[in-house]
PDB file of N, CA and C in Angstrom:
ATOM      1  N   MET A   1       4.707   6.632 -14.657  1.00  0.00           N
ATOM      2  CA  MET A   1       4.229   7.566 -13.715  1.00  0.00           C
ATOM      3  C   MET A   1       5.175   8.279 -13.109  1.00  0.00           C
ATOM      4  N   VAL A   2       6.147   7.588 -12.568  1.00  0.00           N
ATOM      5  CA  VAL A   2       7.452   8.200 -11.884  1.00  0.00           C
ATOM      6  C   VAL A   2       7.870   9.388 -12.627  1.00  0.00           C
ATOM      7  N   LEU A   3       8.400   8.778 -14.029  1.00  0.00           N
ATOM      8  CA  LEU A   3       9.176   9.687 -14.897  1.00  0.00           C
ATOM      9  C   LEU A   3       8.357  10.936 -15.148  1.00  0.00           C
ATOM     10  N   PHE A   4       6.981  10.719 -15.240  1.00  0.00           N
ATOM     11  CA  PHE A   4       6.128  11.900 -15.539  1.00  0.00           C
ATOM     12  C   PHE A   4       6.110  12.817 -14.455  1.00  0.00           C
ATOM     13  N   ALA A   5       6.174  12.284 -13.113  1.00  0.00           N
ATOM     14  CA  ALA A   5       6.028  13.091 -11.882  1.00  0.00           C
ATOM     15  C   ALA A   5       7.370  13.676 -11.820  1.00  0.00           C
ATOM     16  N   LEU A   6       8.487  13.055 -12.026  1.00  0.00           N
ATOM     17  CA  LEU A   6       9.700  13.802 -11.975  1.00  0.00           C
ATOM     18  C   LEU A   6       9.924  14.981 -12.842  1.00  0.00           C
ATOM     19  N   GLY A   7       9.238  14.983 -13.996  1.00  0.00           N
ATOM     20  CA  GLY A   7       9.251  15.869 -14.961  1.00  0.00           C
ATOM     21  C   GLY A   7       8.519  17.192 -14.531  1.00  0.00           C
ATOM     22  N   LEU A   8       7.582  17.056 -13.439  1.00  0.00           N
ATOM     23  CA  LEU A   8       7.070  18.216 -12.767  1.00  0.00           C
ATOM     24  C   LEU A   8       7.435  18.860 -11.811  1.00  0.00           C
ATOM     25  N   LEU A   9       8.839  18.318 -11.400  1.00  0.00           N
ATOM     26  CA  LEU A   9       9.396  19.127 -10.189  1.00  0.00           C
ATOM     27  C   LEU A   9       9.758  20.484 -10.538  1.00  0.00           C
ATOM     28  N   ASP A  10       9.595  21.029  -9.476  1.00  0.00           N
ATOM     29  CA  ASP A  10       9.613  22.740  -9.253  1.00  0.00           C
ATOM     30  C   ASP A  10       8.482  23.398 -10.002  1.00  0.00           C
ATOM     31  N   THR A  11       7.458  22.631 -10.462  1.00  0.00           N
ATOM     32  CA  THR A  11       6.159  23.190 -10.932  1.00  0.00           C
ATOM     33  C   THR A  11       5.660  24.074  -9.751  1.00  0.00           C
ATOM     34  N   GLY A  12       5.045  25.198  -9.790  1.00  0.00           N
ATOM     35  CA  GLY A  12       4.460  25.908  -8.668  1.00  0.00           C
ATOM     36  C   GLY A  12       3.316  25.274  -8.202  1.00  0.00           C
ATOM     37  N   TYR A  13       2.872  25.648  -7.156  1.00  0.00           N
ATOM     38  CA  TYR A  13       1.677  25.306  -6.537  1.00  0.00           C
ATOM     39  C   TYR A  13       0.505  26.383  -6.717  1.00  0.00           C
ATOM     40  N   ARG A  14      -0.824  25.576  -6.576  1.00  0.00           N
ATOM     41  CA  ARG A  14      -1.782  26.544  -6.816  1.00  0.00           C
ATOM     42  C   ARG A  14      -2.962  25.828  -6.373  1.00  0.00           C
ATOM     43  N   PHE A  15      -3.481  26.170  -5.560  1.00  0.00           N
ATOM     44  CA  PHE A  15      -4.907  25.457  -4.858  1.00  0.00           C
ATOM     45  C   PHE A  15      -5.915  25.325  -5.909  1.00  0.00           C
ATOM     46  N   GLY A  16      -6.273  23.933  -6.185  1.00  0.00           N
ATOM     47  CA  GLY A  16      -6.965  23.662  -7.261  1.00  0.00           C
ATOM     48  C   GLY A  16      -6.545  23.692  -8.505  1.00  0.00           C
ATOM     49  N   GLY A  17      -5.440  23.729  -8.542  1.00  0.00           N
ATOM     50  CA  GLY A  17      -4.667  23.614  -9.926  1.00  0.00           C
ATOM     51  C   GLY A  17      -4.394  22.328 -10.193  1.00  0.00           C
ATOM     52  N   ARG A  18      -4.740  22.149 -11.721  1.00  0.00           N
ATOM     53  CA  ARG A  18      -4.769  20.874 -12.401  1.00  0.00           C
ATOM     54  C   ARG A  18      -3.978  20.934 -13.606  1.00  0.00           C
ATOM     55  N   ASN A  19      -3.105  21.986 -13.937  1.00  0.00           N
ATOM     56  CA  ASN A  19      -2.308  22.230 -15.202  1.00  0.00           C
ATOM     57  C   ASN A  19      -1.083  22.873 -14.653  1.00  0.00           C
ATOM     58  N   PRO A  20       0.079  22.155 -15.250  1.00  0.00           N
ATOM     59  CA  PRO A  20       1.473  22.613 -14.680  1.00  0.00           C
ATOM     60  C   PRO A  20       1.727  23.942 -15.189  1.00  0.00           C
ATOM     61  N   ASP A  21       1.107  24.478 -16.254  1.00  0.00           N
ATOM     62  CA  ASP A  21       1.401  25.832 -16.656  1.00  0.00           C
ATOM     63  C   ASP A  21       0.781  27.021 -15.691  1.00  0.00           C
ATOM     64  N   ALA A  22      -0.337  26.677 -14.998  1.00  0.00           N
ATOM     65  CA  ALA A  22      -0.884  27.472 -14.106  1.00  0.00           C
ATOM     66  C   ALA A  22      -0.589  27.098 -12.587  1.00  0.00           C
ATOM     67  N   GLY A  23      -0.175  25.932 -12.438  1.00  0.00           N
ATOM     68  CA  GLY A  23       0.228  25.452 -11.001  1.00  0.00           C
ATOM     69  C   GLY A  23      -0.504  24.149 -10.657  1.00  0.00           C
ATOM     70  N   LEU A  24      -0.209  23.567  -9.616  1.00  0.00           N
ATOM     71  CA  LEU A  24      -0.803  22.109  -9.510  1.00  0.00           C
ATOM     72  C   LEU A  24      -0.967  22.266  -7.909  1.00  0.00           C
ATOM     73  N   ASP A  25      -1.992  21.433  -7.418  1.00  0.00           N
ATOM     74  CA  ASP A  25      -2.227  21.208  -5.966  1.00  0.00           C
ATOM     75  C   ASP A  25      -1.770  19.470  -6.034  1.00  0.00           C
ATOM     76  N   CYS A  26      -1.662  19.100  -4.829  1.00  0.00           N
ATOM     77  CA  CYS A  26      -1.551  17.499  -4.719  1.00  0.00           C
ATOM     78  C   CYS A  26      -2.504  16.552  -5.570  1.00  0.00           C
ATOM     79  N   SER A  27      -3.743  16.815  -5.386  1.00  0.00           N
ATOM     80  CA  SER A  27      -4.768  15.817  -6.229  1.00  0.00           C
ATOM     81  C   SER A  27      -4.777  16.403  -7.619  1.00  0.00           C
ATOM     82  N   GLY A  28      -4.510  17.461  -7.878  1.00  0.00           N
ATOM     83  CA  GLY A  28      -4.455  17.895  -9.436  1.00  0.00           C
ATOM     84  C   GLY A  28      -3.357  17.485 -10.101  1.00  0.00           C
ATOM     85  N   MET A  29      -2.178  17.250  -9.304  1.00  0.00           N
ATOM     86  CA  MET A  29      -0.930  16.679  -9.844  1.00  0.00           C
ATOM     87  C   MET A  29      -1.013  15.218 -10.184  1.00  0.00           C
ATOM     88  N   VAL A  30      -1.506  14.547  -9.384  1.00  0.00           N
ATOM     89  CA  VAL A  30      -1.802  13.179  -9.516  1.00  0.00           C
ATOM     90  C   VAL A  30      -2.853  13.028 -10.710  1.00  0.00           C
ATOM     91  N   ALA A  31      -4.050  13.748 -10.533  1.00  0.00           N
ATOM     92  CA  ALA A  31      -5.022  13.581 -11.686  1.00  0.00           C
ATOM     93  C   ALA A  31      -4.423  14.025 -13.100  1.00  0.00           C
ATOM     94  N   TYR A  32      -3.665  14.846 -13.144  1.00  0.00           N
ATOM     95  CA  TYR A  32      -2.952  15.255 -14.367  1.00  0.00           C
ATOM     96  C   TYR A  32      -1.890  14.303 -14.867  1.00  0.00           C
ATOM     97  N   ILE A  33      -1.419  13.622 -13.981  1.00  0.00           N
ATOM     98  CA  ILE A  33      -0.290  12.570 -14.304  1.00  0.00           C
ATOM     99  C   ILE A  33      -1.218  11.301 -14.909  1.00  0.00           C
ATOM    100  N   VAL A  34      -1.996  10.998 -13.960  1.00  0.00           N
ATOM    101  CA  VAL A  34      -2.953   9.570 -14.559  1.00  0.00           C
ATOM    102  C   VAL A  34      -3.370   9.912 -15.751  1.00  0.00           C
ATOM    103  N   GLU A  35      -4.144  11.185 -15.931  1.00  0.00           N
ATOM    104  CA  GLU A  35      -4.893  11.134 -17.339  1.00  0.00           C
ATOM    105  C   GLU A  35      -3.881  11.220 -18.349  1.00  0.00           C
ATOM    106  N   ASN A  36      -2.579  11.935 -18.230  1.00  0.00           N
ATOM    107  CA  ASN A  36      -1.694  11.688 -19.316  1.00  0.00           C
ATOM    108  C   ASN A  36      -1.018  10.464 -19.618  1.00  0.00           C
ATOM    109  N   VAL A  37      -0.910   9.702 -18.480  1.00  0.00           N
ATOM    110  CA  VAL A  37      -0.150   8.476 -18.668  1.00  0.00           C
ATOM    111  C   VAL A  37      -1.196   7.258 -19.038  1.00  0.00           C
ATOM    112  N   SER A  38      -2.451   7.302 -18.501  1.00  0.00           N
ATOM    113  CA  SER A  38      -3.254   6.282 -18.708  1.00  0.00           C
ATOM    114  C   SER A  38      -4.435   6.709 -19.460  1.00  0.00           C
ATOM    115  N   GLY A  39      -4.937   7.868 -19.639  1.00  0.00           N
ATOM    116  CA  GLY A  39      -6.134   8.365 -20.310  1.00  0.00           C
ATOM    117  C   GLY A  39      -7.348   8.359 -19.379  1.00  0.00           C
ATOM    118  N   ARG A  40      -7.199   7.756 -17.974  1.00  0.00           N
ATOM    119  CA  ARG A  40      -8.286   7.753 -16.834  1.00  0.00           C
ATOM    120  C   ARG A  40      -8.414   9.139 -16.535  1.00  0.00           C
ATOM    121  N   ARG A  41      -9.530   9.616 -16.248  1.00  0.00           N
ATOM    122  CA  ARG A  41      -9.771  10.879 -15.675  1.00  0.00           C
ATOM    123  C   ARG A  41     -10.085  10.655 -14.169  1.00  0.00           C
ATOM    124  N   LEU A  42      -9.463  11.147 -13.202  1.00  0.00           N
ATOM    125  CA  LEU A  42      -9.696  11.078 -11.735  1.00  0.00           C
ATOM    126  C   LEU A  42     -10.357  12.282 -11.191  1.00  0.00           C
ATOM    127  N   PRO A  43     -11.235  12.285 -10.151  1.00  0.00           N
ATOM    128  CA  PRO A  43     -11.691  13.521  -9.383  1.00  0.00           C
ATOM    129  C   PRO A  43     -10.494  14.450  -9.052  1.00  0.00           C
ATOM    130  N   HIS A  44     -10.688  15.582  -8.754  1.00  0.00           N
ATOM    131  CA  HIS A  44      -9.691  16.488  -8.311  1.00  0.00           C
ATOM    132  C   HIS A  44      -9.995  16.709  -6.793  1.00  0.00           C
ATOM    133  N   ASN A  45      -9.744  15.523  -6.116  1.00  0.00           N
ATOM    134  CA  ASN A  45      -9.990  15.452  -4.681  1.00  0.00           C
ATOM    135  C   ASN A  45      -9.228  14.155  -4.084  1.00  0.00           C
ATOM    136  N   ALA A  46      -8.360  14.376  -3.106  1.00  0.00           N
ATOM    137  CA  ALA A  46      -7.388  13.237  -2.669  1.00  0.00           C
ATOM    138  C   ALA A  46      -8.466  12.262  -1.945  1.00  0.00           C
ATOM    139  N   ALA A  47      -9.380  12.642  -1.206  1.00  0.00           N
ATOM    140  CA  ALA A  47     -10.211  11.590  -0.670  1.00  0.00           C
ATOM    141  C   ALA A  47     -11.183  10.777  -1.594  1.00  0.00           C
ATOM    142  N   GLN A  48     -11.721  11.501  -2.638  1.00  0.00           N
ATOM    143  CA  GLN A  48     -12.318  10.849  -3.625  1.00  0.00           C
ATOM    144  C   GLN A  48     -11.435  10.009  -4.701  1.00  0.00           C
ATOM    145  N   ILE A  49     -10.293  10.295  -4.810  1.00  0.00           N
ATOM    146  CA  ILE A  49      -9.330   9.436  -5.702  1.00  0.00           C
ATOM    147  C   ILE A  49      -9.073   8.253  -4.631  1.00  0.00           C
ATOM    148  N   ALA A  50      -8.775   8.480  -3.359  1.00  0.00           N
ATOM    149  CA  ALA A  50      -8.478   7.204  -2.473  1.00  0.00           C
ATOM    150  C   ALA A  50      -9.755   6.361  -2.121  1.00  0.00           C
ATOM    151  N   ASP A  51     -10.898   6.743  -2.501  1.00  0.00           N
ATOM    152  CA  ASP A  51     -11.993   5.911  -2.518  1.00  0.00           C
ATOM    153  C   ASP A  51     -12.020   5.174  -3.835  1.00  0.00           C
ATOM    154  N   ARG A  52     -11.297   5.253  -4.866  1.00  0.00           N
ATOM    155  CA  ARG A  52     -11.153   4.569  -6.139  1.00  0.00           C
ATOM    156  C   ARG A  52      -9.916   3.553  -5.904  1.00  0.00           C
ATOM    157  N   THR A  53      -9.289   3.496  -4.952  1.00  0.00           N
ATOM    158  CA  THR A  53      -8.104   2.771  -4.942  1.00  0.00           C
ATOM    159  C   THR A  53      -8.264   1.581  -3.825  1.00  0.00           C
ATOM    160  N   ARG A  54      -7.203   0.793  -3.801  1.00  0.00           N
ATOM    161  CA  ARG A  54      -7.435  -0.326  -2.833  1.00  0.00           C
ATOM    162  C   ARG A  54      -6.074   0.021  -1.772  1.00  0.00           C
ATOM    163  N   PRO A  55      -6.274  -0.288  -0.561  1.00  0.00           N
ATOM    164  CA  PRO A  55      -4.952  -0.049   0.445  1.00  0.00           C
ATOM    165  C   PRO A  55      -3.989  -1.100   0.142  1.00  0.00           C
ATOM    166  N   ILE A  56      -2.737  -0.618   0.284  1.00  0.00           N
ATOM    167  CA  ILE A  56      -1.600  -1.780   0.439  1.00  0.00           C
ATOM    168  C   ILE A  56      -0.858  -1.348   1.604  1.00  0.00           C
ATOM    169  N   VAL A  57       0.086  -2.298   2.021  1.00  0.00           N
ATOM    170  CA  VAL A  57       0.968  -2.215   3.221  1.00  0.00           C
ATOM    171  C   VAL A  57       2.134  -1.327   2.479  1.00  0.00           C
ATOM    172  N   VAL A  58       2.668  -0.424   3.512  1.00  0.00           N
ATOM    173  CA  VAL A  58       3.629   0.315   3.080  1.00  0.00           C
ATOM    174  C   VAL A  58       4.954  -0.369   2.576  1.00  0.00           C
ATOM    175  N   ASP A  59       5.217  -1.483   3.338  1.00  0.00           N
ATOM    176  CA  ASP A  59       6.250  -2.319   2.702  1.00  0.00           C
ATOM    177  C   ASP A  59       6.154  -2.736   1.310  1.00  0.00           C
ATOM    178  N   GLU A  60       4.837  -2.914   0.805  1.00  0.00           N
ATOM    179  CA  GLU A  60       4.697  -3.397  -0.382  1.00  0.00           C
ATOM    180  C   GLU A  60       4.544  -2.303  -1.417  1.00  0.00           C
ATOM    181  N   LEU A  61       4.890  -1.032  -1.068  1.00  0.00           N
ATOM    182  CA  LEU A  61       4.736  -0.022  -2.221  1.00  0.00           C
ATOM    183  C   LEU A  61       5.800  -0.086  -3.350  1.00  0.00           C
ATOM    184  N   LYS A  62       5.410   0.195  -4.457  1.00  0.00           N
ATOM    185  CA  LYS A  62       6.064   0.194  -5.748  1.00  0.00           C
ATOM    186  C   LYS A  62       6.087   1.469  -6.340  1.00  0.00           C
ATOM    187  N   PRO A  63       7.061   1.844  -7.087  1.00  0.00           N
ATOM    188  CA  PRO A  63       6.986   3.146  -7.780  1.00  0.00           C
ATOM    189  C   PRO A  63       5.837   3.309  -8.653  1.00  0.00           C
ATOM    190  N   GLY A  64       5.311   4.377  -8.492  1.00  0.00           N
ATOM    191  CA  GLY A  64       3.896   4.773  -9.124  1.00  0.00           C
ATOM    192  C   GLY A  64       2.714   4.387  -8.455  1.00  0.00           C
ATOM    193  N   ASP A  65       2.792   3.894  -7.307  1.00  0.00           N
ATOM    194  CA  ASP A  65       1.643   3.591  -6.394  1.00  0.00           C
ATOM    195  C   ASP A  65       1.237   5.204  -5.753  1.00  0.00           C
ATOM    196  N   LEU A  66       0.095   5.385  -5.458  1.00  0.00           N
ATOM    197  CA  LEU A  66      -0.291   6.472  -4.873  1.00  0.00           C
ATOM    198  C   LEU A  66      -0.312   6.596  -3.454  1.00  0.00           C
ATOM    199  N   VAL A  67       0.384   7.536  -2.599  1.00  0.00           N
ATOM    200  CA  VAL A  67       0.437   7.678  -1.093  1.00  0.00           C
ATOM    201  C   VAL A  67      -0.437   8.750  -0.699  1.00  0.00           C
ATOM    202  N   PHE A  68      -1.319   8.368   0.317  1.00  0.00           N
ATOM    203  CA  PHE A  68      -2.064   9.235   1.003  1.00  0.00           C
ATOM    204  C   PHE A  68      -1.727   9.636   2.415  1.00  0.00           C
ATOM    205  N   PHE A  69      -2.123  10.958   2.785  1.00  0.00           N
ATOM    206  CA  PHE A  69      -1.783  11.254   4.141  1.00  0.00           C
ATOM    207  C   PHE A  69      -2.821  12.050   4.859  1.00  0.00           C
ATOM    208  N   ASN A  70      -2.780  12.142   6.087  1.00  0.00           N
ATOM    209  CA  ASN A  70      -3.540  12.777   7.227  1.00  0.00           C
ATOM    210  C   ASN A  70      -2.905  14.063   7.424  1.00  0.00           C
ATOM    211  N   THR A  71      -3.258  15.248   6.691  1.00  0.00           N
ATOM    212  CA  THR A  71      -2.483  16.395   7.074  1.00  0.00           C
ATOM    213  C   THR A  71      -3.450  17.509   7.716  1.00  0.00           C
ATOM    214  N   LEU A  72      -4.642  17.450   7.731  1.00  0.00           N
ATOM    215  CA  LEU A  72      -5.711  18.382   8.171  1.00  0.00           C
ATOM    216  C   LEU A  72      -6.475  17.554   9.111  1.00  0.00           C
ATOM    217  N   LYS A  73      -6.057  16.698   9.799  1.00  0.00           N
ATOM    218  CA  LYS A  73      -6.924  15.984  10.869  1.00  0.00           C
ATOM    219  C   LYS A  73      -8.037  15.251  10.231  1.00  0.00           C
ATOM    220  N   ARG A  74      -7.826  14.802   8.822  1.00  0.00           N
ATOM    221  CA  ARG A  74      -8.898  14.080   8.225  1.00  0.00           C
ATOM    222  C   ARG A  74      -8.202  13.238   7.287  1.00  0.00           C
ATOM    223  N   ARG A  75      -8.677  12.001   7.118  1.00  0.00           N
ATOM    224  CA  ARG A  75      -8.018  10.820   6.256  1.00  0.00           C
ATOM    225  C   ARG A  75      -7.915  11.444   4.704  1.00  0.00           C
ATOM    226  N   HIS A  76      -6.899  11.058   4.212  1.00  0.00           N
ATOM    227  CA  HIS A  76      -6.833  11.365   2.834  1.00  0.00           C
ATOM    228  C   HIS A  76      -6.664  12.789   2.298  1.00  0.00           C
ATOM    229  N   SER A  77      -6.068  13.665   3.299  1.00  0.00           N
ATOM    230  CA  SER A  77      -6.276  15.180   2.891  1.00  0.00           C
ATOM    231  C   SER A  77      -5.072  15.607   2.161  1.00  0.00           C
ATOM    232  N   HIS A  78      -4.114  14.735   1.864  1.00  0.00           N
ATOM    233  CA  HIS A  78      -2.911  14.943   0.871  1.00  0.00           C
ATOM    234  C   HIS A  78      -2.469  13.710   0.263  1.00  0.00           C
ATOM    235  N   MET A  79      -1.920  13.798  -0.784  1.00  0.00           N
ATOM    236  CA  MET A  79      -1.456  12.587  -1.541  1.00  0.00           C
ATOM    237  C   MET A  79      -0.267  13.042  -2.496  1.00  0.00           C
ATOM    238  N   GLY A  80       0.377  11.915  -3.116  1.00  0.00           N
ATOM    239  CA  GLY A  80       1.521  12.172  -3.764  1.00  0.00           C
ATOM    240  C   GLY A  80       1.876  10.685  -4.684  1.00  0.00           C
ATOM    241  N   ILE A  81       2.808  10.681  -5.382  1.00  0.00           N
ATOM    242  CA  ILE A  81       3.285   9.375  -6.163  1.00  0.00           C
ATOM    243  C   ILE A  81       4.331   8.830  -5.667  1.00  0.00           C
ATOM    244  N   TYR A  82       4.440   7.610  -5.182  1.00  0.00           N
ATOM    245  CA  TYR A  82       5.630   6.898  -4.633  1.00  0.00           C
ATOM    246  C   TYR A  82       6.462   6.617  -5.792  1.00  0.00           C
ATOM    247  N   ILE A  83       7.875   7.049  -5.436  1.00  0.00           N
ATOM    248  CA  ILE A  83       8.957   6.921  -6.553  1.00  0.00           C
ATOM    249  C   ILE A  83       9.964   5.767  -6.295  1.00  0.00           C
ATOM    250  N   GLY A  84       9.673   5.401  -4.970  1.00  0.00           N
ATOM    251  CA  GLY A  84      10.889   4.153  -4.673  1.00  0.00           C
ATOM    252  C   GLY A  84      11.810   4.666  -3.486  1.00  0.00           C
ATOM    253  N   ASP A  85      12.507   3.816  -2.851  1.00  0.00           N
ATOM    254  CA  ASP A  85      13.440   4.004  -1.874  1.00  0.00           C
ATOM    255  C   ASP A  85      12.811   5.131  -0.825  1.00  0.00           C
ATOM    256  N   GLY A  86      11.561   4.741  -0.310  1.00  0.00           N
ATOM    257  CA  GLY A  86      11.000   5.714   0.545  1.00  0.00           C
ATOM    258  C   GLY A  86      10.726   7.014   0.398  1.00  0.00           C
ATOM    259  N   ARG A  87      10.691   7.327  -0.851  1.00  0.00           N
ATOM    260  CA  ARG A  87      10.537   8.836  -1.264  1.00  0.00           C
ATOM    261  C   ARG A  87       9.149   8.839  -2.240  1.00  0.00           C
ATOM    262  N   PHE A  88       8.655  10.135  -2.292  1.00  0.00           N
ATOM    263  CA  PHE A  88       7.509  10.357  -3.104  1.00  0.00           C
ATOM    264  C   PHE A  88       7.449  11.653  -3.559  1.00  0.00           C
ATOM    265  N   VAL A  89       6.753  12.083  -4.617  1.00  0.00           N
ATOM    266  CA  VAL A  89       6.561  13.364  -5.329  1.00  0.00           C
ATOM    267  C   VAL A  89       5.337  13.975  -4.870  1.00  0.00           C
ATOM    268  N   HIS A  90       5.278  15.229  -4.692  1.00  0.00           N
ATOM    269  CA  HIS A  90       3.879  15.986  -4.080  1.00  0.00           C
ATOM    270  C   HIS A  90       4.040  17.446  -4.423  1.00  0.00           C
ATOM    271  N   ALA A  91       2.849  17.830  -4.477  1.00  0.00           N
ATOM    272  CA  ALA A  91       2.702  19.407  -4.621  1.00  0.00           C
ATOM    273  C   ALA A  91       2.267  19.905  -3.065  1.00  0.00           C
ATOM    274  N   PRO A  92       3.223  20.360  -2.313  1.00  0.00           N
ATOM    275  CA  PRO A  92       2.928  20.402  -0.775  1.00  0.00           C
ATOM    276  C   PRO A  92       1.975  21.401  -0.455  1.00  0.00           C
ATOM    277  N   ASN A  93       2.045  22.625  -0.555  1.00  0.00           N
ATOM    278  CA  ASN A  93       1.321  23.744  -0.268  1.00  0.00           C
ATOM    279  C   ASN A  93       1.726  25.049  -1.003  1.00  0.00           C
ATOM    280  N   SER A  94       1.061  26.043  -0.753  1.00  0.00           N
ATOM    281  CA  SER A  94       1.200  27.544  -1.313  1.00  0.00           C
ATOM    282  C   SER A  94       2.544  27.935  -1.212  1.00  0.00           C
ATOM    283  N   ARG A  95       3.410  27.452  -0.091  1.00  0.00           N
ATOM    284  CA  ARG A  95       4.778  27.916   0.173  1.00  0.00           C
ATOM    285  C   ARG A  95       5.842  26.993  -0.604  1.00  0.00           C
ATOM    286  N   GLY A  96       5.411  26.142  -1.400  1.00  0.00           N
ATOM    287  CA  GLY A  96       6.333  25.247  -2.107  1.00  0.00           C
ATOM    288  C   GLY A  96       5.844  24.985  -3.530  1.00  0.00           C
ATOM    289  N   ARG A  97       6.750  23.973  -4.009  1.00  0.00           N
ATOM    290  CA  ARG A  97       6.571  23.554  -5.574  1.00  0.00           C
ATOM    291  C   ARG A  97       6.627  22.164  -5.504  1.00  0.00           C
ATOM    292  N   VAL A  98       6.430  21.523  -6.493  1.00  0.00           N
ATOM    293  CA  VAL A  98       6.361  20.110  -6.704  1.00  0.00           C
ATOM    294  C   VAL A  98       7.752  19.775  -6.255  1.00  0.00           C
ATOM    295  N   ARG A  99       7.745  18.692  -5.330  1.00  0.00           N
ATOM    296  CA  ARG A  99       9.193  18.128  -4.963  1.00  0.00           C
ATOM    297  C   ARG A  99       9.246  16.605  -4.480  1.00  0.00           C
ATOM    298  N   VAL A 100      10.213  16.276  -4.178  1.00  0.00           N
ATOM    299  CA  VAL A 100      10.528  15.072  -3.804  1.00  0.00           C
ATOM    300  C   VAL A 100      10.753  15.049  -2.134  1.00  0.00           C
ATOM    301  N   GLU A 101      10.042  14.114  -1.277  1.00  0.00           N
ATOM    302  CA  GLU A 101      10.055  14.140   0.094  1.00  0.00           C
ATOM    303  C   GLU A 101      10.287  12.752   0.414  1.00  0.00           C
ATOM    304  N   ARG A 102      10.703  12.640   1.610  1.00  0.00           N
ATOM    305  CA  ARG A 102      10.843  11.191   2.316  1.00  0.00           C
ATOM    306  C   ARG A 102       9.644  10.716   2.870  1.00  0.00           C
ATOM    307  N   LEU A 103       9.087   9.479   2.904  1.00  0.00           N
ATOM    308  CA  LEU A 103       7.713   9.050   3.434  1.00  0.00           C
ATOM    309  C   LEU A 103       7.866   9.413   4.841  1.00  0.00           C
ATOM    310  N   ASP A 104       9.011   9.184   5.535  1.00  0.00           N
ATOM    311  CA  ASP A 104       9.115   9.338   7.209  1.00  0.00           C
ATOM    312  C   ASP A 104       9.404  10.745   7.453  1.00  0.00           C
ATOM    313  N   ASN A 105       9.358  11.843   6.608  1.00  0.00           N
ATOM    314  CA  ASN A 105       9.415  13.175   6.980  1.00  0.00           C
ATOM    315  C   ASN A 105       8.093  13.652   7.788  1.00  0.00           C
TER     316      ASN A 105
END
């Protein structure tokens, strides 16, 4: 998952995007990676994906784990893939491209 995610760095953002050729949003990026790595199809919605996961403590994160954020004053409004060393890959917003950020940012 991590290598696949890193291969998408600098892919353009597109709201509702689920294809790197056309652009990706956060849940579209995760769904695209999971489908290509495991063959499992996920919904295209961070909250719906979160409903299919189990919570873990931040200190127990391992590369490839999904991370969820409250960015719009609601739980699970943003997500990415943890890559280790306190960093994750995500598709941030219309002003950005797929990139690596620190969890504490």
